[in-house]
Amino acid sequence: MARRAVLEFWYEFASTYSYLAAMRIEEMAAAAEVEVRWRPFLLGPIFAAQGWNSSPFNLYPAKGRHMWRDMEREGARLGLAVKRPDPFPQNSLTAARVALLGADHPWGATFTKAVFQREFGEGRSIAEPAAVAEILAHLGLDAEAVMRAASAEGNKTRLKAVTEEARSRGMFGAPTFFTDDGEMFWGNDRLEQAIAWATGERPGR
């Protein structure tokens, strides 16, 4: 039996377009018989290296206004609610640590989608550890145990290493997708192309 193609899905919880991708990638990948590898990371250090202290959507207001209108259109097209959380961007550190831990467990993708739903579907905060613990509990998980494991030094160090991996592989935003051959695709609007490439449809090669 041939090995299924793998698509790496790199996402950041503060990223609006990562929300759109996260809520549709599983169904699309399954239809194409592509396996999704969920890769949470932090954009903050990558932005900081470029001299940015906030989201580019805040630093460039015209770009930000367009992005929120585009999110409304895309959300309506995909049947997803879109509501801006306050503040934006949200501090995603705790959620990212838990998602990184969850990437090794069956609940990882479900947790990730629940975080995005709370943040951009409902416009609620994900920044506080209590908010993340509430999501875990709602999923029927041992929130205290998961939070403890996520905040352990080993997992913290791992998240730093993953974020450094993202930088070293040339990532500058989220969502970003990598296929088995190392081809990089950036943005929710490139998800279809990334899946097609993963299955062997590779124009230009």
N, C-alpha and C. Protein backbone atom coordinates (compact mmCIF):
# COMPACT_ATOMS: atom_id res chain seq x y z
N MET A 1 0.84 -1.20 0.00
CA MET A 1 0.00 0.00 0.00
C MET A 1 0.88 1.25 0.00
N ALA A 2 0.62 2.18 -0.91
CA ALA A 2 1.43 3.38 -1.02
C ALA A 2 1.21 4.29 0.19
N ARG A 3 2.30 4.96 0.58
CA ARG A 3 2.21 5.89 1.69
C ARG A 3 1.42 7.13 1.26
N ARG A 4 0.56 7.59 2.14
CA ARG A 4 -0.22 8.78 1.84
C ARG A 4 0.68 10.01 1.85
N ALA A 5 0.40 10.93 0.95
CA ALA A 5 1.13 12.20 0.95
C ALA A 5 0.81 12.96 2.23
N VAL A 6 1.78 13.74 2.70
CA VAL A 6 1.62 14.51 3.94
C VAL A 6 1.70 15.99 3.61
N LEU A 7 0.81 16.76 4.21
CA LEU A 7 0.84 18.21 4.09
C LEU A 7 1.04 18.81 5.47
N GLU A 8 2.12 19.54 5.65
CA GLU A 8 2.35 20.23 6.93
C GLU A 8 1.53 21.52 6.94
N PHE A 9 0.79 21.70 8.00
CA PHE A 9 -0.05 22.89 8.17
C PHE A 9 0.51 23.70 9.34
N TRP A 10 1.22 24.76 9.02
CA TRP A 10 1.81 25.64 10.03
C TRP A 10 0.84 26.79 10.29
N TYR A 11 0.48 26.95 11.54
CA TYR A 11 -0.53 27.96 11.88
C TYR A 11 -0.17 28.66 13.18
N GLU A 12 -0.74 29.85 13.32
CA GLU A 12 -0.55 30.69 14.51
C GLU A 12 -1.94 31.12 14.97
N PHE A 13 -2.22 30.97 16.26
CA PHE A 13 -3.57 31.26 16.75
C PHE A 13 -3.95 32.73 16.62
N ALA A 14 -2.98 33.63 16.49
CA ALA A 14 -3.31 35.04 16.31
C ALA A 14 -3.61 35.38 14.86
N SER A 15 -3.49 34.39 13.97
CA SER A 15 -3.66 34.61 12.54
C SER A 15 -5.10 34.36 12.09
N THR A 16 -5.71 35.38 11.54
CA THR A 16 -7.09 35.27 11.07
C THR A 16 -7.24 34.23 9.97
N TYR A 17 -6.33 34.26 9.01
CA TYR A 17 -6.45 33.34 7.89
C TYR A 17 -6.12 31.91 8.28
N SER A 18 -5.36 31.73 9.36
CA SER A 18 -5.14 30.38 9.89
C SER A 18 -6.47 29.79 10.37
N TYR A 19 -7.32 30.64 10.90
CA TYR A 19 -8.66 30.20 11.33
C TYR A 19 -9.43 29.60 10.16
N LEU A 20 -9.47 30.33 9.05
CA LEU A 20 -10.20 29.83 7.89
C LEU A 20 -9.63 28.51 7.40
N ALA A 21 -8.31 28.41 7.36
CA ALA A 21 -7.66 27.17 6.89
C ALA A 21 -7.92 26.01 7.84
N ALA A 22 -7.83 26.28 9.13
CA ALA A 22 -7.99 25.21 10.12
C ALA A 22 -9.38 24.59 10.07
N MET A 23 -10.37 25.40 9.75
CA MET A 23 -11.74 24.92 9.78
C MET A 23 -12.13 24.15 8.52
N ARG A 24 -11.26 24.12 7.52
CA ARG A 24 -11.62 23.43 6.29
C ARG A 24 -10.58 22.43 5.79
N ILE A 25 -9.39 22.43 6.40
CA ILE A 25 -8.31 21.62 5.84
C ILE A 25 -8.55 20.13 5.97
N GLU A 26 -9.14 19.67 7.07
CA GLU A 26 -9.30 18.23 7.26
C GLU A 26 -10.18 17.60 6.19
N GLU A 27 -11.33 18.20 5.94
CA GLU A 27 -12.26 17.65 4.95
C GLU A 27 -11.64 17.65 3.56
N MET A 28 -10.96 18.74 3.22
CA MET A 28 -10.35 18.82 1.89
C MET A 28 -9.21 17.82 1.74
N ALA A 29 -8.39 17.69 2.76
CA ALA A 29 -7.26 16.76 2.69
C ALA A 29 -7.74 15.31 2.64
N ALA A 30 -8.77 15.01 3.41
CA ALA A 30 -9.31 13.65 3.42
C ALA A 30 -9.84 13.27 2.05
N ALA A 31 -10.50 14.20 1.39
CA ALA A 31 -11.05 13.93 0.06
C ALA A 31 -9.95 13.65 -0.95
N ALA A 32 -8.78 14.25 -0.72
CA ALA A 32 -7.65 14.05 -1.63
C ALA A 32 -6.71 12.94 -1.14
N GLU A 33 -7.08 12.30 -0.03
CA GLU A 33 -6.26 11.23 0.57
C GLU A 33 -4.88 11.75 0.94
N VAL A 34 -4.87 12.93 1.54
CA VAL A 34 -3.64 13.56 2.02
C VAL A 34 -3.71 13.65 3.54
N GLU A 35 -2.62 13.31 4.20
CA GLU A 35 -2.55 13.38 5.66
C GLU A 35 -2.09 14.77 6.08
N VAL A 36 -2.76 15.33 7.08
CA VAL A 36 -2.40 16.66 7.58
C VAL A 36 -1.54 16.52 8.82
N ARG A 37 -0.43 17.24 8.84
CA ARG A 37 0.41 17.33 10.04
C ARG A 37 0.26 18.73 10.60
N TRP A 38 -0.36 18.83 11.77
CA TRP A 38 -0.65 20.12 12.39
C TRP A 38 0.61 20.64 13.07
N ARG A 39 1.05 21.88 12.70
CA ARG A 39 2.29 22.45 13.21
C ARG A 39 2.05 23.85 13.79
N PRO A 40 1.66 23.94 15.05
CA PRO A 40 1.51 25.26 15.67
C PRO A 40 2.87 25.91 15.92
N PHE A 41 2.94 27.23 15.75
CA PHE A 41 4.17 27.96 16.04
C PHE A 41 3.82 29.40 16.40
N LEU A 42 4.83 30.19 16.71
CA LEU A 42 4.62 31.58 17.10
C LEU A 42 5.20 32.52 16.04
N LEU A 43 4.39 33.45 15.60
CA LEU A 43 4.85 34.44 14.63
C LEU A 43 5.55 35.61 15.30
N GLY A 44 5.28 35.84 16.57
CA GLY A 44 5.84 37.00 17.26
C GLY A 44 7.34 37.14 17.08
N PRO A 45 8.13 36.10 17.38
CA PRO A 45 9.58 36.22 17.22
C PRO A 45 10.00 36.48 15.77
N ILE A 46 9.27 35.92 14.83
CA ILE A 46 9.59 36.14 13.41
C ILE A 46 9.29 37.58 13.01
N PHE A 47 8.15 38.09 13.46
CA PHE A 47 7.83 39.50 13.20
C PHE A 47 8.84 40.43 13.88
N ALA A 48 9.22 40.09 15.12
CA ALA A 48 10.17 40.93 15.86
C ALA A 48 11.50 41.04 15.13
N ALA A 49 11.91 39.95 14.49
CA ALA A 49 13.17 39.97 13.74
C ALA A 49 13.10 40.91 12.55
N GLN A 50 11.88 41.22 12.10
CA GLN A 50 11.68 42.15 11.00
C GLN A 50 11.43 43.58 11.50
N GLY A 51 11.47 43.74 12.82
CA GLY A 51 11.26 45.06 13.41
C GLY A 51 9.82 45.40 13.68
N TRP A 52 8.94 44.38 13.61
CA TRP A 52 7.51 44.61 13.87
C TRP A 52 7.19 44.24 15.31
N ASN A 53 6.42 45.09 15.98
CA ASN A 53 6.02 44.80 17.36
C ASN A 53 4.55 44.45 17.47
N SER A 54 3.89 44.27 16.33
CA SER A 54 2.47 43.89 16.31
C SER A 54 2.18 43.24 14.98
N SER A 55 0.92 42.87 14.79
CA SER A 55 0.50 42.32 13.51
C SER A 55 0.65 43.36 12.41
N PRO A 56 1.06 42.97 11.21
CA PRO A 56 1.11 43.93 10.10
C PRO A 56 -0.26 44.52 9.79
N PHE A 57 -1.33 43.83 10.18
CA PHE A 57 -2.67 44.35 9.96
C PHE A 57 -2.98 45.51 10.90
N ASN A 58 -2.23 45.63 12.00
CA ASN A 58 -2.34 46.79 12.88
C ASN A 58 -1.35 47.87 12.46
N LEU A 59 -0.17 47.45 12.03
CA LEU A 59 0.86 48.40 11.65
C LEU A 59 0.49 49.17 10.38
N TYR A 60 -0.27 48.51 9.51
CA TYR A 60 -0.70 49.13 8.25
C TYR A 60 -2.23 49.13 8.23
N PRO A 61 -2.86 50.19 8.77
CA PRO A 61 -4.32 50.21 8.97
C PRO A 61 -5.14 49.92 7.73
N ALA A 62 -4.71 50.42 6.57
CA ALA A 62 -5.49 50.16 5.35
C ALA A 62 -5.50 48.68 5.04
N LYS A 63 -4.36 48.02 5.25
CA LYS A 63 -4.28 46.58 5.04
C LYS A 63 -5.18 45.85 6.03
N GLY A 64 -5.19 46.33 7.28
CA GLY A 64 -6.02 45.72 8.30
C GLY A 64 -7.50 45.84 7.99
N ARG A 65 -7.93 47.01 7.53
CA ARG A 65 -9.34 47.20 7.20
C ARG A 65 -9.75 46.26 6.07
N HIS A 66 -8.89 46.13 5.09
CA HIS A 66 -9.19 45.23 3.98
C HIS A 66 -9.26 43.79 4.46
N MET A 67 -8.32 43.41 5.32
CA MET A 67 -8.30 42.04 5.82
C MET A 67 -9.59 41.68 6.52
N TRP A 68 -10.11 42.55 7.39
CA TRP A 68 -11.33 42.24 8.13
C TRP A 68 -12.53 42.16 7.19
N ARG A 69 -12.57 43.00 6.16
CA ARG A 69 -13.65 42.90 5.19
C ARG A 69 -13.52 41.60 4.39
N ASP A 70 -12.29 41.25 4.04
CA ASP A 70 -12.06 40.00 3.32
C ASP A 70 -12.45 38.81 4.17
N MET A 71 -12.16 38.87 5.47
CA MET A 71 -12.55 37.79 6.38
C MET A 71 -14.07 37.63 6.41
N GLU A 72 -14.79 38.75 6.42
CA GLU A 72 -16.25 38.68 6.40
C GLU A 72 -16.74 37.99 5.14
N ARG A 73 -16.17 38.35 4.00
CA ARG A 73 -16.57 37.73 2.73
C ARG A 73 -16.25 36.24 2.72
N GLU A 74 -15.03 35.90 3.12
CA GLU A 74 -14.61 34.50 3.10
C GLU A 74 -15.39 33.67 4.12
N GLY A 75 -15.64 34.25 5.28
CA GLY A 75 -16.43 33.54 6.28
C GLY A 75 -17.82 33.23 5.75
N ALA A 76 -18.45 34.21 5.11
CA ALA A 76 -19.78 34.00 4.54
C ALA A 76 -19.74 32.93 3.46
N ARG A 77 -18.71 32.94 2.65
CA ARG A 77 -18.59 31.95 1.57
C ARG A 77 -18.42 30.54 2.12
N LEU A 78 -17.68 30.42 3.23
CA LEU A 78 -17.39 29.12 3.82
C LEU A 78 -18.38 28.70 4.89
N GLY A 79 -19.32 29.58 5.22
CA GLY A 79 -20.29 29.28 6.28
C GLY A 79 -19.69 29.36 7.67
N LEU A 80 -18.71 30.25 7.85
CA LEU A 80 -18.05 30.41 9.14
C LEU A 80 -18.34 31.80 9.70
N ALA A 81 -18.65 31.85 10.98
CA ALA A 81 -18.82 33.14 11.64
C ALA A 81 -17.46 33.80 11.78
N VAL A 82 -17.44 35.12 11.66
CA VAL A 82 -16.20 35.88 11.84
C VAL A 82 -16.49 37.05 12.77
N LYS A 83 -15.80 37.08 13.89
CA LYS A 83 -15.97 38.16 14.84
C LYS A 83 -14.60 38.55 15.40
N ARG A 84 -14.29 39.81 15.35
CA ARG A 84 -12.97 40.29 15.78
C ARG A 84 -12.85 40.28 17.29
N PRO A 85 -11.83 39.60 17.83
CA PRO A 85 -11.63 39.64 19.28
C PRO A 85 -10.96 40.95 19.68
N ASP A 86 -11.13 41.36 20.90
CA ASP A 86 -10.51 42.56 21.42
C ASP A 86 -9.72 42.19 22.68
N PRO A 87 -8.40 42.37 22.69
CA PRO A 87 -7.60 43.00 21.64
C PRO A 87 -7.28 42.05 20.50
N PHE A 88 -6.82 42.61 19.41
CA PHE A 88 -6.28 41.84 18.30
C PHE A 88 -4.90 42.38 17.98
N PRO A 89 -3.89 41.54 17.85
CA PRO A 89 -3.96 40.08 17.97
C PRO A 89 -4.00 39.62 19.42
N GLN A 90 -4.51 38.43 19.62
CA GLN A 90 -4.54 37.83 20.94
C GLN A 90 -3.17 37.22 21.28
N ASN A 91 -2.83 37.23 22.56
CA ASN A 91 -1.62 36.53 23.01
C ASN A 91 -1.90 35.03 22.89
N SER A 92 -1.13 34.35 22.05
CA SER A 92 -1.41 32.95 21.74
C SER A 92 -0.44 31.97 22.39
N LEU A 93 0.39 32.45 23.30
CA LEU A 93 1.46 31.60 23.85
C LEU A 93 0.92 30.35 24.53
N THR A 94 -0.01 30.51 25.46
CA THR A 94 -0.52 29.35 26.20
C THR A 94 -1.22 28.37 25.27
N ALA A 95 -2.04 28.88 24.38
CA ALA A 95 -2.75 28.01 23.43
C ALA A 95 -1.78 27.28 22.53
N ALA A 96 -0.72 27.95 22.11
CA ALA A 96 0.27 27.32 21.23
C ALA A 96 1.00 26.20 21.96
N ARG A 97 1.32 26.41 23.21
CA ARG A 97 1.99 25.36 23.99
C ARG A 97 1.10 24.13 24.11
N VAL A 98 -0.18 24.34 24.36
CA VAL A 98 -1.10 23.21 24.48
C VAL A 98 -1.28 22.53 23.12
N ALA A 99 -1.40 23.31 22.06
CA ALA A 99 -1.57 22.74 20.73
C ALA A 99 -0.35 21.92 20.32
N LEU A 100 0.83 22.39 20.69
CA LEU A 100 2.05 21.65 20.37
C LEU A 100 2.04 20.31 21.09
N LEU A 101 1.64 20.32 22.33
CA LEU A 101 1.50 19.06 23.08
C LEU A 101 0.44 18.18 22.43
N GLY A 102 -0.66 18.78 22.04
CA GLY A 102 -1.77 18.03 21.44
C GLY A 102 -1.46 17.46 20.08
N ALA A 103 -0.46 18.02 19.40
CA ALA A 103 -0.09 17.50 18.07
C ALA A 103 0.33 16.04 18.13
N ASP A 104 0.72 15.58 19.32
CA ASP A 104 1.12 14.19 19.50
C ASP A 104 -0.03 13.31 19.97
N HIS A 105 -1.23 13.89 20.06
CA HIS A 105 -2.39 13.17 20.59
C HIS A 105 -3.59 13.34 19.66
N PRO A 106 -4.54 12.43 19.72
CA PRO A 106 -5.72 12.52 18.84
C PRO A 106 -6.54 13.79 19.02
N TRP A 107 -6.46 14.42 20.19
CA TRP A 107 -7.29 15.59 20.46
C TRP A 107 -6.69 16.90 19.91
N GLY A 108 -5.49 16.84 19.36
CA GLY A 108 -4.79 18.06 18.96
C GLY A 108 -5.55 18.91 17.96
N ALA A 109 -6.03 18.30 16.89
CA ALA A 109 -6.74 19.06 15.86
C ALA A 109 -8.07 19.60 16.39
N THR A 110 -8.74 18.80 17.19
CA THR A 110 -10.02 19.24 17.76
C THR A 110 -9.82 20.43 18.68
N PHE A 111 -8.76 20.39 19.48
CA PHE A 111 -8.44 21.52 20.35
C PHE A 111 -8.14 22.77 19.53
N THR A 112 -7.32 22.61 18.51
CA THR A 112 -6.95 23.75 17.68
C THR A 112 -8.19 24.42 17.08
N LYS A 113 -9.09 23.64 16.55
CA LYS A 113 -10.30 24.21 15.95
C LYS A 113 -11.17 24.88 17.00
N ALA A 114 -11.21 24.32 18.20
CA ALA A 114 -12.00 24.91 19.27
C ALA A 114 -11.44 26.27 19.69
N VAL A 115 -10.12 26.38 19.72
CA VAL A 115 -9.48 27.66 20.05
C VAL A 115 -9.82 28.70 18.98
N PHE A 116 -9.66 28.33 17.73
CA PHE A 116 -9.97 29.26 16.64
C PHE A 116 -11.45 29.66 16.65
N GLN A 117 -12.33 28.71 16.94
CA GLN A 117 -13.75 29.01 16.97
C GLN A 117 -14.07 30.03 18.07
N ARG A 118 -13.47 29.85 19.22
CA ARG A 118 -13.69 30.77 20.34
C ARG A 118 -13.16 32.17 19.98
N GLU A 119 -11.98 32.19 19.39
CA GLU A 119 -11.30 33.45 19.13
C GLU A 119 -11.92 34.24 17.99
N PHE A 120 -12.04 33.62 16.82
CA PHE A 120 -12.49 34.34 15.63
C PHE A 120 -13.93 34.03 15.23
N GLY A 121 -14.48 32.91 15.73
CA GLY A 121 -15.87 32.62 15.47
C GLY A 121 -16.79 33.32 16.45
N GLU A 122 -16.30 33.47 17.71
CA GLU A 122 -17.11 34.08 18.77
C GLU A 122 -16.53 35.40 19.26
N GLY A 123 -15.31 35.72 18.88
CA GLY A 123 -14.69 36.98 19.30
C GLY A 123 -14.30 37.02 20.76
N ARG A 124 -14.04 35.84 21.33
CA ARG A 124 -13.72 35.75 22.76
C ARG A 124 -12.22 35.57 22.96
N SER A 125 -11.77 35.88 24.16
CA SER A 125 -10.35 35.82 24.46
C SER A 125 -9.84 34.38 24.57
N ILE A 126 -8.63 34.17 24.06
CA ILE A 126 -7.93 32.89 24.26
C ILE A 126 -6.62 33.12 25.01
N ALA A 127 -6.38 34.36 25.43
CA ALA A 127 -5.07 34.73 25.97
C ALA A 127 -4.81 34.15 27.36
N GLU A 128 -5.83 34.09 28.18
CA GLU A 128 -5.62 33.67 29.57
C GLU A 128 -5.55 32.15 29.67
N PRO A 129 -4.67 31.64 30.54
CA PRO A 129 -4.63 30.20 30.78
C PRO A 129 -5.99 29.63 31.15
N ALA A 130 -6.80 30.40 31.89
CA ALA A 130 -8.12 29.93 32.29
C ALA A 130 -9.01 29.69 31.06
N ALA A 131 -8.87 30.52 30.04
CA ALA A 131 -9.66 30.35 28.82
C ALA A 131 -9.26 29.08 28.09
N VAL A 132 -7.96 28.81 28.05
CA VAL A 132 -7.47 27.60 27.40
C VAL A 132 -7.91 26.37 28.18
N ALA A 133 -7.83 26.44 29.51
CA ALA A 133 -8.26 25.32 30.35
C ALA A 133 -9.75 25.05 30.17
N GLU A 134 -10.53 26.10 29.98
CA GLU A 134 -11.98 25.94 29.77
C GLU A 134 -12.24 25.17 28.48
N ILE A 135 -11.48 25.46 27.45
CA ILE A 135 -11.63 24.75 26.18
C ILE A 135 -11.30 23.28 26.36
N LEU A 136 -10.21 22.99 27.05
CA LEU A 136 -9.81 21.60 27.29
C LEU A 136 -10.89 20.85 28.06
N ALA A 137 -11.42 21.49 29.10
CA ALA A 137 -12.45 20.84 29.91
C ALA A 137 -13.70 20.57 29.08
N HIS A 138 -14.03 21.52 28.21
CA HIS A 138 -15.22 21.35 27.36
C HIS A 138 -15.05 20.18 26.40
N LEU A 139 -13.80 19.87 26.07
CA LEU A 139 -13.52 18.73 25.19
C LEU A 139 -13.44 17.41 25.96
N GLY A 140 -13.66 17.47 27.27
CA GLY A 140 -13.64 16.27 28.09
C GLY A 140 -12.25 15.81 28.49
N LEU A 141 -11.27 16.72 28.40
CA LEU A 141 -9.90 16.38 28.75
C LEU A 141 -9.60 16.81 30.18
N ASP A 142 -8.54 16.25 30.74
CA ASP A 142 -8.09 16.62 32.08
C ASP A 142 -7.31 17.93 31.94
N ALA A 143 -8.01 19.03 32.07
CA ALA A 143 -7.42 20.34 31.81
C ALA A 143 -6.20 20.60 32.68
N GLU A 144 -6.28 20.26 33.94
CA GLU A 144 -5.17 20.54 34.85
C GLU A 144 -3.92 19.78 34.43
N ALA A 145 -4.08 18.52 34.09
CA ALA A 145 -2.93 17.70 33.68
C ALA A 145 -2.34 18.19 32.36
N VAL A 146 -3.20 18.53 31.41
CA VAL A 146 -2.72 19.00 30.12
C VAL A 146 -1.99 20.34 30.26
N MET A 147 -2.57 21.25 31.03
CA MET A 147 -1.94 22.55 31.23
C MET A 147 -0.59 22.40 31.92
N ARG A 148 -0.51 21.48 32.86
CA ARG A 148 0.76 21.26 33.56
C ARG A 148 1.82 20.73 32.60
N ALA A 149 1.43 19.78 31.77
CA ALA A 149 2.38 19.22 30.80
C ALA A 149 2.79 20.26 29.76
N ALA A 150 1.84 21.09 29.35
CA ALA A 150 2.13 22.09 28.33
C ALA A 150 3.09 23.16 28.84
N SER A 151 3.04 23.44 30.14
CA SER A 151 3.89 24.49 30.71
C SER A 151 5.21 23.94 31.25
N ALA A 152 5.45 22.65 31.07
CA ALA A 152 6.71 22.06 31.50
C ALA A 152 7.85 22.60 30.63
N GLU A 153 9.04 22.66 31.20
CA GLU A 153 10.17 23.25 30.48
C GLU A 153 10.45 22.56 29.15
N GLY A 154 10.27 21.25 29.11
CA GLY A 154 10.53 20.53 27.87
C GLY A 154 9.64 20.98 26.74
N ASN A 155 8.37 21.22 27.04
CA ASN A 155 7.43 21.65 26.00
C ASN A 155 7.67 23.10 25.62
N LYS A 156 8.03 23.93 26.60
CA LYS A 156 8.35 25.33 26.29
C LYS A 156 9.54 25.41 25.34
N THR A 157 10.57 24.61 25.64
CA THR A 157 11.77 24.58 24.80
C THR A 157 11.43 24.08 23.41
N ARG A 158 10.56 23.10 23.35
CA ARG A 158 10.15 22.54 22.06
C ARG A 158 9.45 23.58 21.20
N LEU A 159 8.59 24.40 21.80
CA LEU A 159 7.90 25.44 21.04
C LEU A 159 8.90 26.46 20.50
N LYS A 160 9.88 26.81 21.28
CA LYS A 160 10.92 27.72 20.79
C LYS A 160 11.66 27.12 19.61
N ALA A 161 11.95 25.81 19.70
CA ALA A 161 12.66 25.13 18.62
C ALA A 161 11.82 25.06 17.36
N VAL A 162 10.52 24.81 17.53
CA VAL A 162 9.62 24.74 16.38
C VAL A 162 9.52 26.11 15.70
N THR A 163 9.45 27.16 16.50
CA THR A 163 9.38 28.51 15.95
C THR A 163 10.67 28.86 15.21
N GLU A 164 11.79 28.42 15.73
CA GLU A 164 13.07 28.62 15.05
C GLU A 164 13.11 27.82 13.75
N GLU A 165 12.52 26.61 13.77
CA GLU A 165 12.43 25.82 12.55
C GLU A 165 11.63 26.57 11.49
N ALA A 166 10.53 27.18 11.91
CA ALA A 166 9.71 27.95 10.97
C ALA A 166 10.53 29.06 10.34
N ARG A 167 11.28 29.79 11.15
CA ARG A 167 12.11 30.87 10.63
C ARG A 167 13.17 30.35 9.67
N SER A 168 13.81 29.24 10.05
CA SER A 168 14.90 28.71 9.24
C SER A 168 14.40 28.16 7.90
N ARG A 169 13.12 27.80 7.85
CA ARG A 169 12.55 27.29 6.60
C ARG A 169 11.94 28.38 5.73
N GLY A 170 12.13 29.60 6.16
CA GLY A 170 11.73 30.73 5.33
C GLY A 170 10.33 31.22 5.52
N MET A 171 9.69 30.82 6.62
CA MET A 171 8.32 31.27 6.85
C MET A 171 8.29 32.71 7.33
N PHE A 172 7.28 33.44 6.89
CA PHE A 172 7.13 34.84 7.25
C PHE A 172 5.70 35.18 7.65
N GLY A 173 4.80 34.20 7.59
CA GLY A 173 3.41 34.43 7.94
C GLY A 173 2.68 33.10 8.08
N ALA A 174 1.41 33.20 8.40
CA ALA A 174 0.59 32.00 8.59
C ALA A 174 -0.80 32.26 8.02
N PRO A 175 -1.43 31.19 7.51
CA PRO A 175 -0.95 29.81 7.48
C PRO A 175 0.06 29.57 6.36
N THR A 176 0.94 28.60 6.62
CA THR A 176 1.90 28.17 5.62
C THR A 176 1.80 26.65 5.50
N PHE A 177 1.92 26.16 4.29
CA PHE A 177 1.82 24.72 4.03
C PHE A 177 3.09 24.23 3.34
N PHE A 178 3.56 23.05 3.74
CA PHE A 178 4.70 22.41 3.08
C PHE A 178 4.29 21.03 2.61
N THR A 179 4.65 20.71 1.37
CA THR A 179 4.42 19.38 0.84
C THR A 179 5.67 18.52 1.06
N ASP A 180 5.55 17.23 0.74
CA ASP A 180 6.64 16.29 0.99
C ASP A 180 7.96 16.71 0.34
N ASP A 181 7.87 17.37 -0.81
CA ASP A 181 9.09 17.75 -1.53
C ASP A 181 9.64 19.09 -1.10
N GLY A 182 9.07 19.67 -0.03
CA GLY A 182 9.57 20.93 0.50
C GLY A 182 9.00 22.18 -0.13
N GLU A 183 8.02 22.02 -1.03
CA GLU A 183 7.39 23.19 -1.65
C GLU A 183 6.56 23.94 -0.61
N MET A 184 6.71 25.26 -0.57
CA MET A 184 6.01 26.07 0.42
C MET A 184 4.88 26.85 -0.23
N PHE A 185 3.73 26.87 0.44
CA PHE A 185 2.57 27.63 0.01
C PHE A 185 2.13 28.50 1.18
N TRP A 186 1.87 29.79 0.91
CA TRP A 186 1.50 30.71 1.99
C TRP A 186 0.10 31.24 1.76
N GLY A 187 -0.70 31.16 2.81
CA GLY A 187 -2.01 31.78 2.79
C GLY A 187 -3.16 30.80 2.62
N ASN A 188 -4.26 31.11 3.26
CA ASN A 188 -5.46 30.29 3.16
C ASN A 188 -5.89 30.09 1.71
N ASP A 189 -5.67 31.10 0.88
CA ASP A 189 -6.09 31.00 -0.52
C ASP A 189 -5.19 30.11 -1.36
N ARG A 190 -4.14 29.56 -0.75
CA ARG A 190 -3.28 28.61 -1.45
C ARG A 190 -3.47 27.18 -0.95
N LEU A 191 -4.46 26.96 -0.10
CA LEU A 191 -4.68 25.62 0.45
C LEU A 191 -5.02 24.62 -0.65
N GLU A 192 -5.90 24.99 -1.56
CA GLU A 192 -6.27 24.07 -2.64
C GLU A 192 -5.05 23.70 -3.48
N GLN A 193 -4.23 24.69 -3.78
CA GLN A 193 -3.04 24.44 -4.59
C GLN A 193 -2.05 23.54 -3.83
N ALA A 194 -1.91 23.77 -2.53
CA ALA A 194 -1.00 22.96 -1.72
C ALA A 194 -1.44 21.50 -1.70
N ILE A 195 -2.73 21.27 -1.56
CA ILE A 195 -3.23 19.89 -1.54
C ILE A 195 -3.04 19.24 -2.91
N ALA A 196 -3.32 19.99 -3.97
CA ALA A 196 -3.12 19.45 -5.31
C ALA A 196 -1.66 19.09 -5.55
N TRP A 197 -0.76 19.96 -5.10
CA TRP A 197 0.68 19.70 -5.26
C TRP A 197 1.08 18.46 -4.48
N ALA A 198 0.52 18.31 -3.28
CA ALA A 198 0.84 17.15 -2.45
C ALA A 198 0.44 15.85 -3.13
N THR A 199 -0.62 15.88 -3.94
CA THR A 199 -1.10 14.67 -4.61
C THR A 199 -0.39 14.43 -5.94
N GLY A 200 0.51 15.33 -6.33
CA GLY A 200 1.29 15.10 -7.53
C GLY A 200 1.00 16.03 -8.69
N GLU A 201 0.02 16.92 -8.52
CA GLU A 201 -0.28 17.91 -9.56
C GLU A 201 0.69 19.07 -9.40
N ARG A 202 1.74 19.08 -10.21
CA ARG A 202 2.82 20.02 -9.98
C ARG A 202 3.19 20.78 -11.25
N PRO A 203 2.36 21.71 -11.68
CA PRO A 203 2.70 22.53 -12.85
C PRO A 203 3.95 23.35 -12.57
N GLY A 204 4.78 23.44 -13.57
CA GLY A 204 6.02 24.22 -13.39
C GLY A 204 7.18 23.36 -12.94
N ARG A 205 6.93 22.06 -12.75
CA ARG A 205 8.00 21.16 -12.35
C ARG A 205 8.25 20.16 -13.47
